[in-house]
């Protein structure tokens, strides 16, 4: 039997670390960009949100590649654990398809 990613995520739901901050954010593109769609990213932080402005380090994660490894929402278990272990905010970029491919 082969499990899909969504089935694996459902099976591991109760083992997934709970974080105060685990949310999708949209990063606007520069006004000079010919692409208007914002960049989608996921932010994971193991401390209270009020302490986010005191963070001096950031881990930038760009999961996937070649549309084979899927985006950050499918890597949440790894990203949440990474945020807990490193005690640093994790910003995972959902690179998506190139605008000319949409």
PDB file of N, CA and C in Angstrom:
ATOM      1  N   UNK A   1       0.843  -1.184   0.000  1.00  0.00           N
ATOM      2  CA  UNK A   1       0.000   0.000   0.000  1.00  0.00           C
ATOM      3  C   UNK A   1       0.888   1.247   0.000  1.00  0.00           C
ATOM      4  N   UNK A   2       0.565   2.180  -0.843  1.00  0.00           N
ATOM      5  CA  UNK A   2       1.295   3.436  -0.934  1.00  0.00           C
ATOM      6  C   UNK A   2       0.436   4.539  -0.322  1.00  0.00           C
ATOM      7  N   UNK A   3       1.020   5.275   0.606  1.00  0.00           N
ATOM      8  CA  UNK A   3       0.299   6.377   1.249  1.00  0.00           C
ATOM      9  C   UNK A   3       0.621   7.687   0.549  1.00  0.00           C
ATOM     10  N   UNK A   4      -0.379   8.545   0.436  1.00  0.00           N
ATOM     11  CA  UNK A   4      -0.148   9.880  -0.103  1.00  0.00           C
ATOM     12  C   UNK A   4       0.383  10.779   1.003  1.00  0.00           C
ATOM     13  N   UNK A   5       0.909  11.913   0.620  1.00  0.00           N
ATOM     14  CA  UNK A   5       1.435  12.854   1.601  1.00  0.00           C
ATOM     15  C   UNK A   5       0.344  13.304   2.565  1.00  0.00           C
ATOM     16  N   UNK A   6      -0.848  13.550   2.071  1.00  0.00           N
ATOM     17  CA  UNK A   6      -1.933  14.001   2.954  1.00  0.00           C
ATOM     18  C   UNK A   6      -2.329  12.905   3.944  1.00  0.00           C
ATOM     19  N   UNK A   7      -2.240  11.649   3.553  1.00  0.00           N
ATOM     20  CA  UNK A   7      -2.534  10.554   4.482  1.00  0.00           C
ATOM     21  C   UNK A   7      -1.457  10.461   5.561  1.00  0.00           C
ATOM     22  N   UNK A   8      -0.210  10.636   5.173  1.00  0.00           N
ATOM     23  CA  UNK A   8       0.890  10.612   6.141  1.00  0.00           C
ATOM     24  C   UNK A   8       0.742  11.769   7.119  1.00  0.00           C
ATOM     25  N   UNK A   9       0.391  12.948   6.599  1.00  0.00           N
ATOM     26  CA  UNK A   9       0.195  14.104   7.478  1.00  0.00           C
ATOM     27  C   UNK A   9      -0.938  13.857   8.461  1.00  0.00           C
ATOM     28  N   UNK A  10      -2.002  13.198   8.024  1.00  0.00           N
ATOM     29  CA  UNK A  10      -3.121  12.891   8.918  1.00  0.00           C
ATOM     30  C   UNK A  10      -2.683  11.914  10.016  1.00  0.00           C
ATOM     31  N   UNK A  11      -1.875  10.921   9.647  1.00  0.00           N
ATOM     32  CA  UNK A  11      -1.407   9.937  10.623  1.00  0.00           C
ATOM     33  C   UNK A  11      -0.457  10.545  11.660  1.00  0.00           C
ATOM     34  N   UNK A  12       0.292  11.561  11.263  1.00  0.00           N
ATOM     35  CA  UNK A  12       1.277  12.169  12.174  1.00  0.00           C
ATOM     36  C   UNK A  12       0.751  13.439  12.843  1.00  0.00           C
ATOM     37  N   UNK A  13      -0.519  13.754  12.661  1.00  0.00           N
ATOM     38  CA  UNK A  13      -1.085  15.002  13.173  1.00  0.00           C
ATOM     39  C   UNK A  13      -0.841  15.180  14.674  1.00  0.00           C
ATOM     40  N   UNK A  14      -1.058  14.151  15.472  1.00  0.00           N
ATOM     41  CA  UNK A  14      -0.953  14.286  16.926  1.00  0.00           C
ATOM     42  C   UNK A  14       0.491  14.314  17.410  1.00  0.00           C
ATOM     43  N   UNK A  15       1.431  13.929  16.558  1.00  0.00           N
ATOM     44  CA  UNK A  15       2.850  13.997  16.905  1.00  0.00           C
ATOM     45  C   UNK A  15       3.496  15.303  16.447  1.00  0.00           C
ATOM     46  N   UNK A  16       2.768  16.066  15.659  1.00  0.00           N
ATOM     47  CA  UNK A  16       3.286  17.325  15.123  1.00  0.00           C
ATOM     48  C   UNK A  16       3.432  18.346  16.248  1.00  0.00           C
ATOM     49  N   UNK A  17       4.620  18.933  16.388  1.00  0.00           N
ATOM     50  CA  UNK A  17       4.808  19.929  17.451  1.00  0.00           C
ATOM     51  C   UNK A  17       3.854  21.116  17.295  1.00  0.00           C
ATOM     52  N   UNK A  18       3.315  21.562  18.396  1.00  0.00           N
ATOM     53  CA  UNK A  18       2.455  22.755  18.403  1.00  0.00           C
ATOM     54  C   UNK A  18       3.344  23.967  18.637  1.00  0.00           C
ATOM     55  N   UNK A  19       3.153  24.971  17.812  1.00  0.00           N
ATOM     56  CA  UNK A  19       3.949  26.192  17.914  1.00  0.00           C
ATOM     57  C   UNK A  19       3.029  27.389  18.078  1.00  0.00           C
ATOM     58  N   UNK A  20       3.486  28.417  18.811  1.00  0.00           N
ATOM     59  CA  UNK A  20       2.680  29.641  18.925  1.00  0.00           C
ATOM     60  C   UNK A  20       2.490  30.338  17.574  1.00  0.00           C
ATOM     61  N   UNK A  21       3.495  30.226  16.689  1.00  0.00           N
ATOM     62  CA  UNK A  21       3.407  30.858  15.370  1.00  0.00           C
ATOM     63  C   UNK A  21       3.696  29.806  14.305  1.00  0.00           C
ATOM     64  N   UNK A  22       2.706  29.518  13.498  1.00  0.00           N
ATOM     65  CA  UNK A  22       2.833  28.617  12.354  1.00  0.00           C
ATOM     66  C   UNK A  22       1.772  29.070  11.357  1.00  0.00           C
ATOM     67  N   UNK A  23       2.178  29.957  10.466  1.00  0.00           N
ATOM     68  CA  UNK A  23       1.166  30.532   9.574  1.00  0.00           C
ATOM     69  C   UNK A  23       1.745  30.903   8.214  1.00  0.00           C
ATOM     70  N   UNK A  24       0.841  31.001   7.279  1.00  0.00           N
ATOM     71  CA  UNK A  24       1.199  31.431   5.933  1.00  0.00           C
ATOM     72  C   UNK A  24       1.231  32.953   5.904  1.00  0.00           C
ATOM     73  N   UNK A  25       2.222  33.499   5.217  1.00  0.00           N
ATOM     74  CA  UNK A  25       2.293  34.958   5.045  1.00  0.00           C
ATOM     75  C   UNK A  25       2.509  35.270   3.571  1.00  0.00           C
ATOM     76  N   UNK A  26       2.118  36.452   3.176  1.00  0.00           N
ATOM     77  CA  UNK A  26       2.303  36.905   1.796  1.00  0.00           C
ATOM     78  C   UNK A  26       3.301  38.049   1.795  1.00  0.00           C
ATOM     79  N   UNK A  27       4.312  37.927   0.953  1.00  0.00           N
ATOM     80  CA  UNK A  27       5.342  38.959   0.831  1.00  0.00           C
ATOM     81  C   UNK A  27       5.119  39.708  -0.477  1.00  0.00           C
ATOM     82  N   UNK A  28       4.833  41.016  -0.403  1.00  0.00           N
ATOM     83  CA  UNK A  28       4.586  41.756  -1.638  1.00  0.00           C
ATOM     84  C   UNK A  28       5.846  41.863  -2.482  1.00  0.00           C
ATOM     85  N   UNK A  29       5.651  41.880  -3.761  1.00  0.00           N
ATOM     86  CA  UNK A  29       6.775  42.072  -4.685  1.00  0.00           C
ATOM     87  C   UNK A  29       7.051  43.564  -4.830  1.00  0.00           C
ATOM     88  N   UNK A  30       8.252  43.924  -5.244  1.00  0.00           N
ATOM     89  CA  UNK A  30       8.546  45.350  -5.464  1.00  0.00           C
ATOM     90  C   UNK A  30       7.604  45.951  -6.510  1.00  0.00           C
ATOM     91  N   UNK A  31       7.333  47.227  -6.374  1.00  0.00           N
ATOM     92  CA  UNK A  31       6.433  47.902  -7.314  1.00  0.00           C
ATOM     93  C   UNK A  31       6.952  47.818  -8.737  1.00  0.00           C
ATOM     94  N   UNK A  32       8.264  47.713  -8.910  1.00  0.00           N
ATOM     95  CA  UNK A  32       8.844  47.655 -10.247  1.00  0.00           C
ATOM     96  C   UNK A  32       8.718  46.278 -10.894  1.00  0.00           C
ATOM     97  N   UNK A  33       8.274  45.284 -10.132  1.00  0.00           N
ATOM     98  CA  UNK A  33       8.155  43.923 -10.669  1.00  0.00           C
ATOM     99  C   UNK A  33       7.007  43.833 -11.651  1.00  0.00           C
ATOM    100  N   UNK A  34       7.220  43.087 -12.728  1.00  0.00           N
ATOM    101  CA  UNK A  34       6.137  42.901 -13.693  1.00  0.00           C
ATOM    102  C   UNK A  34       5.135  41.856 -13.215  1.00  0.00           C
ATOM    103  N   UNK A  35       5.485  41.125 -12.164  1.00  0.00           N
ATOM    104  CA  UNK A  35       4.599  40.114 -11.595  1.00  0.00           C
ATOM    105  C   UNK A  35       3.914  40.700 -10.363  1.00  0.00           C
ATOM    106  N   UNK A  36       2.628  40.658 -10.318  1.00  0.00           N
ATOM    107  CA  UNK A  36       1.863  41.271  -9.226  1.00  0.00           C
ATOM    108  C   UNK A  36       1.526  40.294  -8.110  1.00  0.00           C
ATOM    109  N   UNK A  37       1.576  38.993  -8.392  1.00  0.00           N
ATOM    110  CA  UNK A  37       1.218  38.000  -7.382  1.00  0.00           C
ATOM    111  C   UNK A  37       2.258  38.005  -6.262  1.00  0.00           C
ATOM    112  N   UNK A  38       1.832  38.101  -4.991  1.00  0.00           N
ATOM    113  CA  UNK A  38       2.800  38.111  -3.880  1.00  0.00           C
ATOM    114  C   UNK A  38       3.491  36.755  -3.733  1.00  0.00           C
ATOM    115  N   UNK A  39       4.627  36.766  -3.067  1.00  0.00           N
ATOM    116  CA  UNK A  39       5.362  35.542  -2.773  1.00  0.00           C
ATOM    117  C   UNK A  39       4.733  34.921  -1.526  1.00  0.00           C
ATOM    118  N   UNK A  40       4.446  33.637  -1.580  1.00  0.00           N
ATOM    119  CA  UNK A  40       3.860  32.935  -0.448  1.00  0.00           C
ATOM    120  C   UNK A  40       4.974  32.296   0.369  1.00  0.00           C
ATOM    121  N   UNK A  41       4.888  32.437   1.679  1.00  0.00           N
ATOM    122  CA  UNK A  41       5.871  31.836   2.584  1.00  0.00           C
ATOM    123  C   UNK A  41       5.147  31.347   3.832  1.00  0.00           C
ATOM    124  N   UNK A  42       5.817  30.480   4.574  1.00  0.00           N
ATOM    125  CA  UNK A  42       5.300  29.982   5.851  1.00  0.00           C
ATOM    126  C   UNK A  42       6.287  30.352   6.935  1.00  0.00           C
ATOM    127  N   UNK A  43       5.767  30.859   8.040  1.00  0.00           N
ATOM    128  CA  UNK A  43       6.593  31.259   9.167  1.00  0.00           C
ATOM    129  C   UNK A  43       6.326  30.328  10.345  1.00  0.00           C
ATOM    130  N   UNK A  44       7.406  29.791  10.910  1.00  0.00           N
ATOM    131  CA  UNK A  44       7.330  28.908  12.080  1.00  0.00           C
ATOM    132  C   UNK A  44       8.226  29.493  13.159  1.00  0.00           C
ATOM    133  N   UNK A  45       7.674  29.619  14.374  1.00  0.00           N
ATOM    134  CA  UNK A  45       8.402  30.237  15.485  1.00  0.00           C
ATOM    135  C   UNK A  45       7.954  29.550  16.760  1.00  0.00           C
ATOM    136  N   UNK A  46       8.900  29.100  17.567  1.00  0.00           N
ATOM    137  CA  UNK A  46       8.568  28.315  18.755  1.00  0.00           C
ATOM    138  C   UNK A  46       8.346  29.155  20.007  1.00  0.00           C
ATOM    139  N   UNK A  47       8.466  30.441  19.898  1.00  0.00           N
ATOM    140  CA  UNK A  47       8.274  31.342  21.048  1.00  0.00           C
ATOM    141  C   UNK A  47       7.022  32.192  20.829  1.00  0.00           C
ATOM    142  N   UNK A  48       6.588  32.924  21.835  1.00  0.00           N
ATOM    143  CA  UNK A  48       5.410  33.786  21.648  1.00  0.00           C
ATOM    144  C   UNK A  48       5.645  34.814  20.535  1.00  0.00           C
ATOM    145  N   UNK A  49       4.593  35.131  19.832  1.00  0.00           N
ATOM    146  CA  UNK A  49       4.697  36.039  18.687  1.00  0.00           C
ATOM    147  C   UNK A  49       5.290  37.392  19.066  1.00  0.00           C
ATOM    148  N   UNK A  50       5.031  37.861  20.275  1.00  0.00           N
ATOM    149  CA  UNK A  50       5.563  39.140  20.732  1.00  0.00           C
ATOM    150  C   UNK A  50       7.086  39.181  20.783  1.00  0.00           C
ATOM    151  N   UNK A  51       7.727  38.028  20.840  1.00  0.00           N
ATOM    152  CA  UNK A  51       9.189  37.972  20.875  1.00  0.00           C
ATOM    153  C   UNK A  51       9.812  37.905  19.486  1.00  0.00           C
ATOM    154  N   UNK A  52       8.996  37.839  18.468  1.00  0.00           N
ATOM    155  CA  UNK A  52       9.512  37.731  17.108  1.00  0.00           C
ATOM    156  C   UNK A  52      10.358  38.935  16.703  1.00  0.00           C
ATOM    157  N   UNK A  53       9.986  40.121  17.171  1.00  0.00           N
ATOM    158  CA  UNK A  53      10.753  41.316  16.798  1.00  0.00           C
ATOM    159  C   UNK A  53      12.124  41.381  17.478  1.00  0.00           C
ATOM    160  N   UNK A  54      12.386  40.512  18.444  1.00  0.00           N
ATOM    161  CA  UNK A  54      13.700  40.487  19.085  1.00  0.00           C
ATOM    162  C   UNK A  54      14.624  39.435  18.468  1.00  0.00           C
ATOM    163  N   UNK A  55      14.109  38.638  17.544  1.00  0.00           N
ATOM    164  CA  UNK A  55      14.928  37.599  16.902  1.00  0.00           C
ATOM    165  C   UNK A  55      15.999  38.252  16.039  1.00  0.00           C
ATOM    166  N   UNK A  56      17.227  37.798  16.196  1.00  0.00           N
ATOM    167  CA  UNK A  56      18.333  38.354  15.409  1.00  0.00           C
ATOM    168  C   UNK A  56      18.779  37.405  14.300  1.00  0.00           C
ATOM    169  N   UNK A  57      18.312  36.174  14.340  1.00  0.00           N
ATOM    170  CA  UNK A  57      18.641  35.190  13.309  1.00  0.00           C
ATOM    171  C   UNK A  57      17.363  34.709  12.655  1.00  0.00           C
ATOM    172  N   UNK A  58      17.499  34.267  11.424  1.00  0.00           N
ATOM    173  CA  UNK A  58      16.375  33.713  10.680  1.00  0.00           C
ATOM    174  C   UNK A  58      16.912  32.566   9.839  1.00  0.00           C
ATOM    175  N   UNK A  59      16.194  31.463   9.832  1.00  0.00           N
ATOM    176  CA  UNK A  59      16.560  30.354   8.958  1.00  0.00           C
ATOM    177  C   UNK A  59      15.643  30.412   7.753  1.00  0.00           C
ATOM    178  N   UNK A  60      16.224  30.512   6.584  1.00  0.00           N
ATOM    179  CA  UNK A  60      15.482  30.564   5.333  1.00  0.00           C
ATOM    180  C   UNK A  60      15.494  29.174   4.715  1.00  0.00           C
ATOM    181  N   UNK A  61      14.330  28.630   4.477  1.00  0.00           N
ATOM    182  CA  UNK A  61      14.200  27.288   3.919  1.00  0.00           C
ATOM    183  C   UNK A  61      13.461  27.389   2.597  1.00  0.00           C
ATOM    184  N   UNK A  62      14.041  26.791   1.580  1.00  0.00           N
ATOM    185  CA  UNK A  62      13.393  26.744   0.269  1.00  0.00           C
ATOM    186  C   UNK A  62      13.257  25.269  -0.096  1.00  0.00           C
ATOM    187  N   UNK A  63      12.174  24.633   0.394  1.00  0.00           N
ATOM    188  CA  UNK A  63      12.021  23.200   0.156  1.00  0.00           C
ATOM    189  C   UNK A  63      11.635  22.912  -1.289  1.00  0.00           C
ATOM    190  N   UNK A  64      11.861  21.685  -1.652  1.00  0.00           N
ATOM    191  CA  UNK A  64      11.427  21.253  -2.970  1.00  0.00           C
ATOM    192  C   UNK A  64      12.488  21.431  -4.022  1.00  0.00           C
ATOM    193  N   UNK A  65      12.054  21.403  -5.211  1.00  0.00           N
ATOM    194  CA  UNK A  65      12.934  21.518  -6.357  1.00  0.00           C
ATOM    195  C   UNK A  65      12.357  20.724  -7.506  1.00  0.00           C
ATOM    196  N   UNK A  66      12.238  21.364  -8.622  1.00  0.00           N
ATOM    197  CA  UNK A  66      11.735  20.670  -9.800  1.00  0.00           C
ATOM    198  C   UNK A  66      10.313  20.157  -9.643  1.00  0.00           C
ATOM    199  N   UNK A  67       9.545  20.750  -8.747  1.00  0.00           N
ATOM    200  CA  UNK A  67       8.158  20.355  -8.471  1.00  0.00           C
ATOM    201  C   UNK A  67       8.071  18.887  -8.064  1.00  0.00           C
ATOM    202  N   UNK A  68       9.151  18.359  -7.477  1.00  0.00           N
ATOM    203  CA  UNK A  68       9.190  16.970  -7.045  1.00  0.00           C
ATOM    204  C   UNK A  68       8.947  16.863  -5.547  1.00  0.00           C
ATOM    205  N   UNK A  69       9.524  17.778  -4.772  1.00  0.00           N
ATOM    206  CA  UNK A  69       9.494  17.661  -3.311  1.00  0.00           C
ATOM    207  C   UNK A  69       8.386  18.464  -2.650  1.00  0.00           C
ATOM    208  N   UNK A  70       7.542  19.071  -3.379  1.00  0.00           N
ATOM    209  CA  UNK A  70       6.410  19.864  -2.917  1.00  0.00           C
ATOM    210  C   UNK A  70       6.808  21.013  -1.995  1.00  0.00           C
ATOM    211  N   UNK A  71       5.848  21.813  -1.605  1.00  0.00           N
ATOM    212  CA  UNK A  71       6.142  23.049  -0.892  1.00  0.00           C
ATOM    213  C   UNK A  71       6.177  22.917   0.623  1.00  0.00           C
ATOM    214  N   UNK A  72       6.362  24.053   1.321  1.00  0.00           N
ATOM    215  CA  UNK A  72       6.528  24.036   2.769  1.00  0.00           C
ATOM    216  C   UNK A  72       5.326  23.506   3.543  1.00  0.00           C
ATOM    217  N   UNK A  73       4.120  23.688   3.045  1.00  0.00           N
ATOM    218  CA  UNK A  73       2.965  23.189   3.785  1.00  0.00           C
ATOM    219  C   UNK A  73       3.006  21.662   3.902  1.00  0.00           C
ATOM    220  N   UNK A  74       3.734  20.997   3.023  1.00  0.00           N
ATOM    221  CA  UNK A  74       3.869  19.540   3.082  1.00  0.00           C
ATOM    222  C   UNK A  74       5.093  19.109   3.896  1.00  0.00           C
ATOM    223  N   UNK A  75       5.885  20.059   4.328  1.00  0.00           N
ATOM    224  CA  UNK A  75       7.082  19.784   5.132  1.00  0.00           C
ATOM    225  C   UNK A  75       6.914  20.298   6.560  1.00  0.00           C
ATOM    226  N   UNK A  76       5.681  20.499   6.997  1.00  0.00           N
ATOM    227  CA  UNK A  76       5.449  21.136   8.294  1.00  0.00           C
ATOM    228  C   UNK A  76       6.065  20.385   9.466  1.00  0.00           C
ATOM    229  N   UNK A  77       6.039  19.061   9.452  1.00  0.00           N
ATOM    230  CA  UNK A  77       6.611  18.312  10.582  1.00  0.00           C
ATOM    231  C   UNK A  77       8.086  18.667  10.741  1.00  0.00           C
ATOM    232  N   UNK A  78       8.827  18.640   9.647  1.00  0.00           N
ATOM    233  CA  UNK A  78      10.260  18.952   9.692  1.00  0.00           C
ATOM    234  C   UNK A  78      10.487  20.403  10.097  1.00  0.00           C
ATOM    235  N   UNK A  79       9.740  21.328   9.516  1.00  0.00           N
ATOM    236  CA  UNK A  79       9.936  22.749   9.798  1.00  0.00           C
ATOM    237  C   UNK A  79       9.562  23.100  11.239  1.00  0.00           C
ATOM    238  N   UNK A  80       8.499  22.504  11.759  1.00  0.00           N
ATOM    239  CA  UNK A  80       8.093  22.750  13.145  1.00  0.00           C
ATOM    240  C   UNK A  80       9.151  22.231  14.120  1.00  0.00           C
ATOM    241  N   UNK A  81       9.664  21.030  13.861  1.00  0.00           N
ATOM    242  CA  UNK A  81      10.705  20.470  14.735  1.00  0.00           C
ATOM    243  C   UNK A  81      11.987  21.294  14.658  1.00  0.00           C
ATOM    244  N   UNK A  82      12.307  21.757  13.476  1.00  0.00           N
ATOM    245  CA  UNK A  82      13.491  22.591  13.284  1.00  0.00           C
ATOM    246  C   UNK A  82      13.362  23.879  14.097  1.00  0.00           C
ATOM    247  N   UNK A  83      12.174  24.501  14.082  1.00  0.00           N
ATOM    248  CA  UNK A  83      11.941  25.727  14.856  1.00  0.00           C
ATOM    249  C   UNK A  83      12.099  25.464  16.349  1.00  0.00           C
ATOM    250  N   UNK A  84      11.617  24.313  16.816  1.00  0.00           N
ATOM    251  CA  UNK A  84      11.753  23.975  18.241  1.00  0.00           C
ATOM    252  C   UNK A  84      13.215  23.750  18.631  1.00  0.00           C
ATOM    253  N   UNK A  85      13.938  22.997  17.824  1.00  0.00           N
ATOM    254  CA  UNK A  85      15.320  22.639  18.153  1.00  0.00           C
ATOM    255  C   UNK A  85      16.252  23.852  18.077  1.00  0.00           C
ATOM    256  N   UNK A  86      16.106  24.662  17.033  1.00  0.00           N
ATOM    257  CA  UNK A  86      17.019  25.797  16.840  1.00  0.00           C
ATOM    258  C   UNK A  86      16.609  27.029  17.633  1.00  0.00           C
ATOM    259  N   UNK A  87      15.322  27.097  18.044  1.00  0.00           N
ATOM    260  CA  UNK A  87      14.777  28.263  18.750  1.00  0.00           C
ATOM    261  C   UNK A  87      14.948  29.546  17.928  1.00  0.00           C
ATOM    262  N   UNK A  88      14.855  29.384  16.628  1.00  0.00           N
ATOM    263  CA  UNK A  88      14.940  30.508  15.693  1.00  0.00           C
ATOM    264  C   UNK A  88      13.711  30.481  14.784  1.00  0.00           C
ATOM    265  N   UNK A  89      13.302  31.627  14.266  1.00  0.00           N
ATOM    266  CA  UNK A  89      12.196  31.619  13.309  1.00  0.00           C
ATOM    267  C   UNK A  89      12.631  30.962  12.002  1.00  0.00           C
ATOM    268  N   UNK A  90      11.729  30.222  11.412  1.00  0.00           N
ATOM    269  CA  UNK A  90      11.966  29.561  10.135  1.00  0.00           C
ATOM    270  C   UNK A  90      11.030  30.212   9.122  1.00  0.00           C
ATOM    271  N   UNK A  91      11.584  30.702   8.033  1.00  0.00           N
ATOM    272  CA  UNK A  91      10.783  31.241   6.937  1.00  0.00           C
ATOM    273  C   UNK A  91      10.968  30.308   5.752  1.00  0.00           C
ATOM    274  N   UNK A  92       9.905  29.607   5.396  1.00  0.00           N
ATOM    275  CA  UNK A  92       9.948  28.640   4.298  1.00  0.00           C
ATOM    276  C   UNK A  92       9.217  29.231   3.099  1.00  0.00           C
ATOM    277  N   UNK A  93       9.948  29.404   2.014  1.00  0.00           N
ATOM    278  CA  UNK A  93       9.400  30.013   0.804  1.00  0.00           C
ATOM    279  C   UNK A  93       8.706  28.954  -0.042  1.00  0.00           C
ATOM    280  N   UNK A  94       7.511  29.270  -0.482  1.00  0.00           N
ATOM    281  CA  UNK A  94       6.803  28.409  -1.433  1.00  0.00           C
ATOM    282  C   UNK A  94       7.093  28.992  -2.809  1.00  0.00           C
ATOM    283  N   UNK A  95       8.109  28.443  -3.442  1.00  0.00           N
ATOM    284  CA  UNK A  95       8.587  29.055  -4.677  1.00  0.00           C
ATOM    285  C   UNK A  95       7.565  29.013  -5.792  1.00  0.00           C
ATOM    286  N   UNK A  96       6.712  28.026  -5.841  1.00  0.00           N
ATOM    287  CA  UNK A  96       5.641  27.951  -6.850  1.00  0.00           C
ATOM    288  C   UNK A  96       6.185  27.869  -8.265  1.00  0.00           C
ATOM    289  N   UNK A  97       5.281  27.943  -9.193  1.00  0.00           N
ATOM    290  CA  UNK A  97       5.653  27.882 -10.603  1.00  0.00           C
ATOM    291  C   UNK A  97       6.106  29.253 -11.077  1.00  0.00           C
ATOM    292  N   UNK A  98       6.954  29.250 -12.074  1.00  0.00           N
ATOM    293  CA  UNK A  98       7.364  30.508 -12.694  1.00  0.00           C
ATOM    294  C   UNK A  98       6.125  31.179 -13.307  1.00  0.00           C
ATOM    295  N   UNK A  99       6.054  32.511 -13.262  1.00  0.00           N
ATOM    296  CA  UNK A  99       4.870  33.205 -13.765  1.00  0.00           C
ATOM    297  C   UNK A  99       4.506  32.825 -15.207  1.00  0.00           C
ATOM    298  N   UNK A 100       5.507  32.544 -16.021  1.00  0.00           N
ATOM    299  CA  UNK A 100       5.205  32.198 -17.413  1.00  0.00           C
ATOM    300  C   UNK A 100       4.615  30.786 -17.547  1.00  0.00           C
ATOM    301  N   UNK A 101       4.670  29.998 -16.478  1.00  0.00           N
ATOM    302  CA  UNK A 101       4.129  28.639 -16.495  1.00  0.00           C
ATOM    303  C   UNK A 101       2.733  28.539 -15.891  1.00  0.00           C
ATOM    304  N   UNK A 102       2.217  29.625 -15.362  1.00  0.00           N
ATOM    305  CA  UNK A 102       0.905  29.582 -14.702  1.00  0.00           C
ATOM    306  C   UNK A 102      -0.204  29.722 -15.701  1.00  0.00           C
TER     307      UNK A 102
END
